[in-house]
Amino acid sequence: MITLTVIREDLKDIRYYYVRKEMFDEAYRCTGKKNAIIAKVDMYNDAMSKASPKLFDLYYSLYVKNHTQESLSDELGYTPEYIQMLNKQLLKFLQANLTKESA
């Protein structure tokens, strides 16, 4: 079973990938090799394709678009505590779905 700690670390890497996506794309064009993070991004994106719209929006906003929980709560009109609760649900969803895929 994949741990929540591993998922949190993976999400940090995914966030970094999307912040620097242009560099990763350029490096691939120059070297012809993809970084290992791309497989991880694909794995998480596949898992998220099965998520509820609210959890998918949260994943996309926090980890693809690089919003903070606070800025997202302001944008959506939710309390920061509600975003934290949704993020915990997201982590549990990923844990359940990534564990299924790796089994």
PDB file of N, CA and C in Angstrom:
ATOM      1  N   MET A   1       0.851  -1.188   0.000  1.00  0.00           N
ATOM      2  CA  MET A   1       0.000   0.000   0.000  1.00  0.00           C
ATOM      3  C   MET A   1       0.887   1.237   0.000  1.00  0.00           C
ATOM      4  N   ILE A   2       0.571   2.146  -0.865  1.00  0.00           N
ATOM      5  CA  ILE A   2       1.323   3.396  -0.948  1.00  0.00           C
ATOM      6  C   ILE A   2       0.946   4.271   0.253  1.00  0.00           C
ATOM      7  N   THR A   3       1.931   4.864   0.879  1.00  0.00           N
ATOM      8  CA  THR A   3       1.664   5.654   2.086  1.00  0.00           C
ATOM      9  C   THR A   3       1.291   7.093   1.721  1.00  0.00           C
ATOM     10  N   LEU A   4       0.630   7.743   2.653  1.00  0.00           N
ATOM     11  CA  LEU A   4       0.271   9.152   2.447  1.00  0.00           C
ATOM     12  C   LEU A   4       1.520  10.018   2.348  1.00  0.00           C
ATOM     13  N   THR A   5       2.578   9.651   3.044  1.00  0.00           N
ATOM     14  CA  THR A   5       3.836  10.399   2.971  1.00  0.00           C
ATOM     15  C   THR A   5       4.408  10.341   1.559  1.00  0.00           C
ATOM     16  N   VAL A   6       4.375   9.166   0.953  1.00  0.00           N
ATOM     17  CA  VAL A   6       4.865   9.021  -0.426  1.00  0.00           C
ATOM     18  C   VAL A   6       3.998   9.838  -1.381  1.00  0.00           C
ATOM     19  N   ILE A   7       2.692   9.809  -1.198  1.00  0.00           N
ATOM     20  CA  ILE A   7       1.792  10.577  -2.055  1.00  0.00           C
ATOM     21  C   ILE A   7       2.075  12.063  -1.921  1.00  0.00           C
ATOM     22  N   ARG A   8       2.273  12.541  -0.706  1.00  0.00           N
ATOM     23  CA  ARG A   8       2.586  13.966  -0.512  1.00  0.00           C
ATOM     24  C   ARG A   8       3.879  14.343  -1.235  1.00  0.00           C
ATOM     25  N   GLU A   9       4.903  13.502  -1.139  1.00  0.00           N
ATOM     26  CA  GLU A   9       6.172  13.767  -1.836  1.00  0.00           C
ATOM     27  C   GLU A   9       5.977  13.735  -3.352  1.00  0.00           C
ATOM     28  N   ASP A  10       5.202  12.773  -3.834  1.00  0.00           N
ATOM     29  CA  ASP A  10       4.917  12.697  -5.264  1.00  0.00           C
ATOM     30  C   ASP A  10       4.198  13.952  -5.747  1.00  0.00           C
ATOM     31  N   LEU A  11       3.242  14.432  -4.961  1.00  0.00           N
ATOM     32  CA  LEU A  11       2.494  15.633  -5.353  1.00  0.00           C
ATOM     33  C   LEU A  11       3.404  16.862  -5.393  1.00  0.00           C
ATOM     34  N   LYS A  12       4.387  16.918  -4.513  1.00  0.00           N
ATOM     35  CA  LYS A  12       5.369  18.016  -4.576  1.00  0.00           C
ATOM     36  C   LYS A  12       6.155  17.939  -5.882  1.00  0.00           C
ATOM     37  N   ASP A  13       6.557  16.718  -6.259  1.00  0.00           N
ATOM     38  CA  ASP A  13       7.282  16.537  -7.519  1.00  0.00           C
ATOM     39  C   ASP A  13       6.404  16.889  -8.717  1.00  0.00           C
ATOM     40  N   ILE A  14       5.128  16.498  -8.657  1.00  0.00           N
ATOM     41  CA  ILE A  14       4.197  16.805  -9.743  1.00  0.00           C
ATOM     42  C   ILE A  14       4.002  18.306  -9.865  1.00  0.00           C
ATOM     43  N   ARG A  15       3.856  18.976  -8.740  1.00  0.00           N
ATOM     44  CA  ARG A  15       3.720  20.440  -8.758  1.00  0.00           C
ATOM     45  C   ARG A  15       4.959  21.072  -9.399  1.00  0.00           C
ATOM     46  N   TYR A  16       6.138  20.591  -9.013  1.00  0.00           N
ATOM     47  CA  TYR A  16       7.382  21.114  -9.591  1.00  0.00           C
ATOM     48  C   TYR A  16       7.418  20.859 -11.095  1.00  0.00           C
ATOM     49  N   TYR A  17       7.015  19.666 -11.512  1.00  0.00           N
ATOM     50  CA  TYR A  17       7.005  19.354 -12.947  1.00  0.00           C
ATOM     51  C   TYR A  17       6.160  20.365 -13.715  1.00  0.00           C
ATOM     52  N   TYR A  18       4.943  20.632 -13.222  1.00  0.00           N
ATOM     53  CA  TYR A  18       4.061  21.543 -13.952  1.00  0.00           C
ATOM     54  C   TYR A  18       4.562  22.983 -13.924  1.00  0.00           C
ATOM     55  N   VAL A  19       5.214  23.387 -12.850  1.00  0.00           N
ATOM     56  CA  VAL A  19       5.802  24.733 -12.795  1.00  0.00           C
ATOM     57  C   VAL A  19       6.904  24.870 -13.851  1.00  0.00           C
ATOM     58  N   ARG A  20       7.659  23.772 -14.075  1.00  0.00           N
ATOM     59  CA  ARG A  20       8.803  23.784 -14.998  1.00  0.00           C
ATOM     60  C   ARG A  20       8.545  22.965 -16.268  1.00  0.00           C
ATOM     61  N   LYS A  21       7.273  22.763 -16.626  1.00  0.00           N
ATOM     62  CA  LYS A  21       6.909  21.903 -17.746  1.00  0.00           C
ATOM     63  C   LYS A  21       7.612  22.300 -19.040  1.00  0.00           C
ATOM     64  N   GLU A  22       7.707  23.577 -19.313  1.00  0.00           N
ATOM     65  CA  GLU A  22       8.377  24.021 -20.537  1.00  0.00           C
ATOM     66  C   GLU A  22       9.828  23.550 -20.577  1.00  0.00           C
ATOM     67  N   MET A  23      10.520  23.598 -19.446  1.00  0.00           N
ATOM     68  CA  MET A  23      11.897  23.132 -19.389  1.00  0.00           C
ATOM     69  C   MET A  23      11.961  21.631 -19.649  1.00  0.00           C
ATOM     70  N   PHE A  24      11.045  20.856 -19.032  1.00  0.00           N
ATOM     71  CA  PHE A  24      11.029  19.407 -19.250  1.00  0.00           C
ATOM     72  C   PHE A  24      10.755  19.087 -20.723  1.00  0.00           C
ATOM     73  N   ASP A  25       9.831  19.819 -21.344  1.00  0.00           N
ATOM     74  CA  ASP A  25       9.529  19.609 -22.762  1.00  0.00           C
ATOM     75  C   ASP A  25      10.745  19.929 -23.635  1.00  0.00           C
ATOM     76  N   GLU A  26      11.415  21.035 -23.345  1.00  0.00           N
ATOM     77  CA  GLU A  26      12.601  21.419 -24.105  1.00  0.00           C
ATOM     78  C   GLU A  26      13.732  20.405 -23.913  1.00  0.00           C
ATOM     79  N   ALA A  27      13.918  19.953 -22.687  1.00  0.00           N
ATOM     80  CA  ALA A  27      14.957  18.956 -22.418  1.00  0.00           C
ATOM     81  C   ALA A  27      14.671  17.669 -23.186  1.00  0.00           C
ATOM     82  N   TYR A  28      13.423  17.284 -23.289  1.00  0.00           N
ATOM     83  CA  TYR A  28      13.061  16.089 -24.052  1.00  0.00           C
ATOM     84  C   TYR A  28      13.369  16.287 -25.536  1.00  0.00           C
ATOM     85  N   ARG A  29      13.039  17.453 -26.059  1.00  0.00           N
ATOM     86  CA  ARG A  29      13.334  17.734 -27.475  1.00  0.00           C
ATOM     87  C   ARG A  29      14.838  17.687 -27.737  1.00  0.00           C
ATOM     88  N   CYS A  30      15.632  18.166 -26.790  1.00  0.00           N
ATOM     89  CA  CYS A  30      17.086  18.203 -26.977  1.00  0.00           C
ATOM     90  C   CYS A  30      17.743  16.852 -26.754  1.00  0.00           C
ATOM     91  N   THR A  31      17.280  16.108 -25.761  1.00  0.00           N
ATOM     92  CA  THR A  31      17.954  14.861 -25.395  1.00  0.00           C
ATOM     93  C   THR A  31      17.278  13.618 -25.940  1.00  0.00           C
ATOM     94  N   GLY A  32      15.992  13.728 -26.257  1.00  0.00           N
ATOM     95  CA  GLY A  32      15.241  12.561 -26.694  1.00  0.00           C
ATOM     96  C   GLY A  32      14.864  11.637 -25.553  1.00  0.00           C
ATOM     97  N   LYS A  33      15.119  12.054 -24.323  1.00  0.00           N
ATOM     98  CA  LYS A  33      14.814  11.246 -23.132  1.00  0.00           C
ATOM     99  C   LYS A  33      13.833  11.994 -22.233  1.00  0.00           C
ATOM    100  N   LYS A  34      12.880  11.237 -21.703  1.00  0.00           N
ATOM    101  CA  LYS A  34      11.935  11.811 -20.753  1.00  0.00           C
ATOM    102  C   LYS A  34      12.424  11.558 -19.345  1.00  0.00           C
ATOM    103  N   ASN A  35      12.208  12.524 -18.476  1.00  0.00           N
ATOM    104  CA  ASN A  35      12.516  12.348 -17.060  1.00  0.00           C
ATOM    105  C   ASN A  35      11.501  11.398 -16.449  1.00  0.00           C
ATOM    106  N   ALA A  36      11.897  10.682 -15.410  1.00  0.00           N
ATOM    107  CA  ALA A  36      11.026   9.707 -14.748  1.00  0.00           C
ATOM    108  C   ALA A  36       9.772  10.348 -14.155  1.00  0.00           C
ATOM    109  N   ILE A  37       9.806  11.633 -13.863  1.00  0.00           N
ATOM    110  CA  ILE A  37       8.631  12.293 -13.287  1.00  0.00           C
ATOM    111  C   ILE A  37       7.441  12.215 -14.234  1.00  0.00           C
ATOM    112  N   ILE A  38       7.687  12.142 -15.519  1.00  0.00           N
ATOM    113  CA  ILE A  38       6.586  12.130 -16.488  1.00  0.00           C
ATOM    114  C   ILE A  38       5.733  10.874 -16.316  1.00  0.00           C
ATOM    115  N   ALA A  39       6.353   9.732 -16.047  1.00  0.00           N
ATOM    116  CA  ALA A  39       5.584   8.506 -15.793  1.00  0.00           C
ATOM    117  C   ALA A  39       4.748   8.659 -14.527  1.00  0.00           C
ATOM    118  N   LYS A  40       5.308   9.311 -13.517  1.00  0.00           N
ATOM    119  CA  LYS A  40       4.574   9.524 -12.268  1.00  0.00           C
ATOM    120  C   LYS A  40       3.388  10.459 -12.504  1.00  0.00           C
ATOM    121  N   VAL A  41       3.610  11.518 -13.271  1.00  0.00           N
ATOM    122  CA  VAL A  41       2.530  12.455 -13.604  1.00  0.00           C
ATOM    123  C   VAL A  41       1.415  11.705 -14.332  1.00  0.00           C
ATOM    124  N   ASP A  42       1.775  10.875 -15.289  1.00  0.00           N
ATOM    125  CA  ASP A  42       0.770  10.104 -16.031  1.00  0.00           C
ATOM    126  C   ASP A  42      -0.012   9.177 -15.103  1.00  0.00           C
ATOM    127  N   MET A  43       0.681   8.523 -14.176  1.00  0.00           N
ATOM    128  CA  MET A  43       0.035   7.609 -13.242  1.00  0.00           C
ATOM    129  C   MET A  43      -0.985   8.359 -12.368  1.00  0.00           C
ATOM    130  N   TYR A  44      -0.585   9.519 -11.847  1.00  0.00           N
ATOM    131  CA  TYR A  44      -1.496  10.300 -11.009  1.00  0.00           C
ATOM    132  C   TYR A  44      -2.646  10.872 -11.828  1.00  0.00           C
ATOM    133  N   ASN A  45      -2.366  11.333 -13.039  1.00  0.00           N
ATOM    134  CA  ASN A  45      -3.435  11.862 -13.889  1.00  0.00           C
ATOM    135  C   ASN A  45      -4.443  10.771 -14.246  1.00  0.00           C
ATOM    136  N   ASP A  46      -3.961   9.553 -14.480  1.00  0.00           N
ATOM    137  CA  ASP A  46      -4.870   8.432 -14.741  1.00  0.00           C
ATOM    138  C   ASP A  46      -5.765   8.175 -13.537  1.00  0.00           C
ATOM    139  N   ALA A  47      -5.181   8.179 -12.352  1.00  0.00           N
ATOM    140  CA  ALA A  47      -5.975   7.976 -11.133  1.00  0.00           C
ATOM    141  C   ALA A  47      -7.004   9.094 -10.975  1.00  0.00           C
ATOM    142  N   MET A  48      -6.606  10.318 -11.261  1.00  0.00           N
ATOM    143  CA  MET A  48      -7.509  11.457 -11.084  1.00  0.00           C
ATOM    144  C   MET A  48      -8.638  11.470 -12.103  1.00  0.00           C
ATOM    145  N   SER A  49      -8.478  10.770 -13.199  1.00  0.00           N
ATOM    146  CA  SER A  49      -9.558  10.721 -14.190  1.00  0.00           C
ATOM    147  C   SER A  49     -10.802  10.034 -13.623  1.00  0.00           C
ATOM    148  N   LYS A  50     -10.640   9.297 -12.526  1.00  0.00           N
ATOM    149  CA  LYS A  50     -11.757   8.594 -11.888  1.00  0.00           C
ATOM    150  C   LYS A  50     -12.332   9.384 -10.703  1.00  0.00           C
ATOM    151  N   ALA A  51     -11.784  10.526 -10.415  1.00  0.00           N
ATOM    152  CA  ALA A  51     -12.185  11.307  -9.240  1.00  0.00           C
ATOM    153  C   ALA A  51     -13.475  12.075  -9.492  1.00  0.00           C
ATOM    154  N   SER A  52     -14.091  12.483  -8.398  1.00  0.00           N
ATOM    155  CA  SER A  52     -15.264  13.358  -8.494  1.00  0.00           C
ATOM    156  C   SER A  52     -14.819  14.699  -9.072  1.00  0.00           C
ATOM    157  N   PRO A  53     -15.743  15.449  -9.650  1.00  0.00           N
ATOM    158  CA  PRO A  53     -15.370  16.755 -10.206  1.00  0.00           C
ATOM    159  C   PRO A  53     -14.708  17.680  -9.175  1.00  0.00           C
ATOM    160  N   LYS A  54     -15.188  17.641  -7.940  1.00  0.00           N
ATOM    161  CA  LYS A  54     -14.640  18.526  -6.911  1.00  0.00           C
ATOM    162  C   LYS A  54     -13.191  18.151  -6.586  1.00  0.00           C
ATOM    163  N   LEU A  55     -12.905  16.835  -6.450  1.00  0.00           N
ATOM    164  CA  LEU A  55     -11.529  16.411  -6.166  1.00  0.00           C
ATOM    165  C   LEU A  55     -10.623  16.636  -7.374  1.00  0.00           C
ATOM    166  N   PHE A  56     -11.160  16.432  -8.576  1.00  0.00           N
ATOM    167  CA  PHE A  56     -10.371  16.686  -9.779  1.00  0.00           C
ATOM    168  C   PHE A  56      -9.994  18.167  -9.860  1.00  0.00           C
ATOM    169  N   ASP A  57     -10.962  19.038  -9.595  1.00  0.00           N
ATOM    170  CA  ASP A  57     -10.712  20.481  -9.596  1.00  0.00           C
ATOM    171  C   ASP A  57      -9.641  20.839  -8.571  1.00  0.00           C
ATOM    172  N   LEU A  58      -9.726  20.247  -7.396  1.00  0.00           N
ATOM    173  CA  LEU A  58      -8.738  20.518  -6.354  1.00  0.00           C
ATOM    174  C   LEU A  58      -7.344  20.093  -6.800  1.00  0.00           C
ATOM    175  N   TYR A  59      -7.222  18.877  -7.329  1.00  0.00           N
ATOM    176  CA  TYR A  59      -5.926  18.376  -7.832  1.00  0.00           C
ATOM    177  C   TYR A  59      -5.373  19.307  -8.902  1.00  0.00           C
ATOM    178  N   TYR A  60      -6.208  19.635  -9.874  1.00  0.00           N
ATOM    179  CA  TYR A  60      -5.772  20.488 -10.975  1.00  0.00           C
ATOM    180  C   TYR A  60      -5.340  21.863 -10.462  1.00  0.00           C
ATOM    181  N   SER A  61      -6.135  22.442  -9.591  1.00  0.00           N
ATOM    182  CA  SER A  61      -5.841  23.793  -9.091  1.00  0.00           C
ATOM    183  C   SER A  61      -4.584  23.828  -8.226  1.00  0.00           C
ATOM    184  N   LEU A  62      -4.437  22.850  -7.320  1.00  0.00           N
ATOM    185  CA  LEU A  62      -3.300  22.875  -6.405  1.00  0.00           C
ATOM    186  C   LEU A  62      -2.014  22.376  -7.038  1.00  0.00           C
ATOM    187  N   TYR A  63      -2.085  21.308  -7.814  1.00  0.00           N
ATOM    188  CA  TYR A  63      -0.859  20.636  -8.245  1.00  0.00           C
ATOM    189  C   TYR A  63      -0.496  20.875  -9.704  1.00  0.00           C
ATOM    190  N   VAL A  64      -1.461  21.225 -10.541  1.00  0.00           N
ATOM    191  CA  VAL A  64      -1.153  21.546 -11.932  1.00  0.00           C
ATOM    192  C   VAL A  64      -1.007  23.055 -12.097  1.00  0.00           C
ATOM    193  N   LYS A  65      -1.949  23.808 -11.555  1.00  0.00           N
ATOM    194  CA  LYS A  65      -1.918  25.269 -11.694  1.00  0.00           C
ATOM    195  C   LYS A  65      -1.136  25.967 -10.574  1.00  0.00           C
ATOM    196  N   ASN A  66      -0.682  25.208  -9.568  1.00  0.00           N
ATOM    197  CA  ASN A  66       0.211  25.708  -8.517  1.00  0.00           C
ATOM    198  C   ASN A  66      -0.423  26.756  -7.601  1.00  0.00           C
ATOM    199  N   HIS A  67      -1.719  26.627  -7.348  1.00  0.00           N
ATOM    200  CA  HIS A  67      -2.354  27.494  -6.357  1.00  0.00           C
ATOM    201  C   HIS A  67      -1.973  27.001  -4.963  1.00  0.00           C
ATOM    202  N   THR A  68      -1.977  27.911  -4.010  1.00  0.00           N
ATOM    203  CA  THR A  68      -1.875  27.497  -2.616  1.00  0.00           C
ATOM    204  C   THR A  68      -3.286  27.183  -2.128  1.00  0.00           C
ATOM    205  N   GLN A  69      -3.371  26.467  -1.020  1.00  0.00           N
ATOM    206  CA  GLN A  69      -4.698  26.183  -0.460  1.00  0.00           C
ATOM    207  C   GLN A  69      -5.416  27.481  -0.100  1.00  0.00           C
ATOM    208  N   GLU A  70      -4.663  28.437   0.415  1.00  0.00           N
ATOM    209  CA  GLU A  70      -5.277  29.716   0.805  1.00  0.00           C
ATOM    210  C   GLU A  70      -5.788  30.493  -0.398  1.00  0.00           C
ATOM    211  N   SER A  71      -4.973  30.577  -1.468  1.00  0.00           N
ATOM    212  CA  SER A  71      -5.427  31.323  -2.647  1.00  0.00           C
ATOM    213  C   SER A  71      -6.616  30.626  -3.308  1.00  0.00           C
ATOM    214  N   LEU A  72      -6.624  29.309  -3.279  1.00  0.00           N
ATOM    215  CA  LEU A  72      -7.746  28.579  -3.854  1.00  0.00           C
ATOM    216  C   LEU A  72      -9.011  28.780  -3.029  1.00  0.00           C
ATOM    217  N   SER A  73      -8.868  28.812  -1.711  1.00  0.00           N
ATOM    218  CA  SER A  73     -10.050  29.044  -0.871  1.00  0.00           C
ATOM    219  C   SER A  73     -10.639  30.430  -1.158  1.00  0.00           C
ATOM    220  N   ASP A  74      -9.774  31.426  -1.361  1.00  0.00           N
ATOM    221  CA  ASP A  74     -10.254  32.765  -1.720  1.00  0.00           C
ATOM    222  C   ASP A  74     -10.965  32.752  -3.072  1.00  0.00           C
ATOM    223  N   GLU A  75     -10.362  32.083  -4.039  1.00  0.00           N
ATOM    224  CA  GLU A  75     -10.922  32.049  -5.396  1.00  0.00           C
ATOM    225  C   GLU A  75     -12.279  31.346  -5.433  1.00  0.00           C
ATOM    226  N   LEU A  76     -12.404  30.254  -4.685  1.00  0.00           N
ATOM    227  CA  LEU A  76     -13.639  29.471  -4.721  1.00  0.00           C
ATOM    228  C   LEU A  76     -14.673  29.910  -3.686  1.00  0.00           C
ATOM    229  N   GLY A  77     -14.253  30.759  -2.755  1.00  0.00           N
ATOM    230  CA  GLY A  77     -15.169  31.216  -1.719  1.00  0.00           C
ATOM    231  C   GLY A  77     -15.385  30.206  -0.606  1.00  0.00           C
ATOM    232  N   TYR A  78     -14.415  29.311  -0.426  1.00  0.00           N
ATOM    233  CA  TYR A  78     -14.463  28.325   0.645  1.00  0.00           C
ATOM    234  C   TYR A  78     -13.536  28.769   1.767  1.00  0.00           C
ATOM    235  N   THR A  79     -13.718  28.187   2.928  1.00  0.00           N
ATOM    236  CA  THR A  79     -12.784  28.463   4.017  1.00  0.00           C
ATOM    237  C   THR A  79     -11.505  27.651   3.776  1.00  0.00           C
ATOM    238  N   PRO A  80     -10.373  28.132   4.288  1.00  0.00           N
ATOM    239  CA  PRO A  80      -9.140  27.348   4.176  1.00  0.00           C
ATOM    240  C   PRO A  80      -9.277  25.960   4.813  1.00  0.00           C
ATOM    241  N   GLU A  81     -10.057  25.868   5.880  1.00  0.00           N
ATOM    242  CA  GLU A  81     -10.265  24.586   6.538  1.00  0.00           C
ATOM    243  C   GLU A  81     -11.002  23.598   5.617  1.00  0.00           C
ATOM    244  N   TYR A  82     -11.948  24.105   4.832  1.00  0.00           N
ATOM    245  CA  TYR A  82     -12.671  23.245   3.903  1.00  0.00           C
ATOM    246  C   TYR A  82     -11.726  22.728   2.813  1.00  0.00           C
ATOM    247  N   ILE A  83     -10.843  23.579   2.314  1.00  0.00           N
ATOM    248  CA  ILE A  83      -9.862  23.155   1.305  1.00  0.00           C
ATOM    249  C   ILE A  83      -8.925  22.109   1.916  1.00  0.00           C
ATOM    250  N   GLN A  84      -8.516  22.303   3.162  1.00  0.00           N
ATOM    251  CA  GLN A  84      -7.673  21.307   3.833  1.00  0.00           C
ATOM    252  C   GLN A  84      -8.390  19.967   3.943  1.00  0.00           C
ATOM    253  N   MET A  85      -9.682  20.013   4.272  1.00  0.00           N
ATOM    254  CA  MET A  85     -10.468  18.794   4.376  1.00  0.00           C
ATOM    255  C   MET A  85     -10.558  18.102   3.009  1.00  0.00           C
ATOM    256  N   LEU A  86     -10.793  18.891   1.961  1.00  0.00           N
ATOM    257  CA  LEU A  86     -10.848  18.313   0.615  1.00  0.00           C
ATOM    258  C   LEU A  86      -9.498  17.722   0.217  1.00  0.00           C
ATOM    259  N   ASN A  87      -8.426  18.384   0.608  1.00  0.00           N
ATOM    260  CA  ASN A  87      -7.102  17.874   0.274  1.00  0.00           C
ATOM    261  C   ASN A  87      -6.850  16.534   0.973  1.00  0.00           C
ATOM    262  N   LYS A  88      -7.309  16.394   2.191  1.00  0.00           N
ATOM    263  CA  LYS A  88      -7.190  15.101   2.888  1.00  0.00           C
ATOM    264  C   LYS A  88      -7.993  14.025   2.151  1.00  0.00           C
ATOM    265  N   GLN A  89      -9.186  14.403   1.680  1.00  0.00           N
ATOM    266  CA  GLN A  89      -9.985  13.463   0.886  1.00  0.00           C
ATOM    267  C   GLN A  89      -9.253  13.081  -0.398  1.00  0.00           C
ATOM    268  N   LEU A  90      -8.605  14.054  -1.008  1.00  0.00           N
ATOM    269  CA  LEU A  90      -7.830  13.807  -2.226  1.00  0.00           C
ATOM    270  C   LEU A  90      -6.703  12.816  -1.956  1.00  0.00           C
ATOM    271  N   LEU A  91      -5.985  13.013  -0.872  1.00  0.00           N
ATOM    272  CA  LEU A  91      -4.894  12.102  -0.526  1.00  0.00           C
ATOM    273  C   LEU A  91      -5.417  10.681  -0.317  1.00  0.00           C
ATOM    274  N   LYS A  92      -6.528  10.546   0.390  1.00  0.00           N
ATOM    275  CA  LYS A  92      -7.127   9.220   0.627  1.00  0.00           C
ATOM    276  C   LYS A  92      -7.610   8.600  -0.686  1.00  0.00           C
ATOM    277  N   PHE A  93      -8.196   9.419  -1.551  1.00  0.00           N
ATOM    278  CA  PHE A  93      -8.639   8.933  -2.860  1.00  0.00           C
ATOM    279  C   PHE A  93      -7.444   8.405  -3.655  1.00  0.00           C
ATOM    280  N   LEU A  94      -6.372   9.187  -3.688  1.00  0.00           N
ATOM    281  CA  LEU A  94      -5.184   8.753  -4.416  1.00  0.00           C
ATOM    282  C   LEU A  94      -4.601   7.484  -3.810  1.00  0.00           C
ATOM    283  N   GLN A  95      -4.569   7.416  -2.491  1.00  0.00           N
ATOM    284  CA  GLN A  95      -4.036   6.225  -1.836  1.00  0.00           C
ATOM    285  C   GLN A  95      -4.834   4.985  -2.255  1.00  0.00           C
ATOM    286  N   ALA A  96      -6.143   5.091  -2.240  1.00  0.00           N
ATOM    287  CA  ALA A  96      -6.984   3.951  -2.607  1.00  0.00           C
ATOM    288  C   ALA A  96      -6.813   3.583  -4.077  1.00  0.00           C
ATOM    289  N   ASN A  97      -6.787   4.576  -4.954  1.00  0.00           N
ATOM    290  CA  ASN A  97      -6.743   4.298  -6.383  1.00  0.00           C
ATOM    291  C   ASN A  97      -5.358   3.923  -6.884  1.00  0.00           C
ATOM    292  N   LEU A  98      -4.325   4.499  -6.310  1.00  0.00           N
ATOM    293  CA  LEU A  98      -2.975   4.132  -6.730  1.00  0.00           C
ATOM    294  C   LEU A  98      -2.616   2.752  -6.209  1.00  0.00           C
ATOM    295  N   THR A  99      -3.141   2.382  -5.053  1.00  0.00           N
ATOM    296  CA  THR A  99      -2.905   1.047  -4.509  1.00  0.00           C
ATOM    297  C   THR A  99      -3.575  -0.008  -5.382  1.00  0.00           C
ATOM    298  N   LYS A 100      -4.803   0.288  -5.857  1.00  0.00           N
ATOM    299  CA  LYS A 100      -5.520  -0.628  -6.752  1.00  0.00           C
ATOM    300  C   LYS A 100      -4.724  -0.847  -8.042  1.00  0.00           C
ATOM    301  N   GLU A 101      -4.185   0.257  -8.598  1.00  0.00           N
ATOM    302  CA  GLU A 101      -3.477   0.172  -9.859  1.00  0.00           C
ATOM    303  C   GLU A 101      -2.176  -0.600  -9.732  1.00  0.00           C
ATOM    304  N   SER A 102      -1.526  -0.504  -8.586  1.00  0.00           N
ATOM    305  CA  SER A 102      -0.249  -1.181  -8.424  1.00  0.00           C
ATOM    306  C   SER A 102      -0.405  -2.646  -8.013  1.00  0.00           C
ATOM    307  N   ALA A 103      -1.641  -3.043  -7.675  1.00  0.00           N
ATOM    308  CA  ALA A 103      -1.884  -4.434  -7.242  1.00  0.00           C
ATOM    309  C   ALA A 103      -2.007  -5.381  -8.426  1.00  0.00           C
TER     310      ALA A 103
END
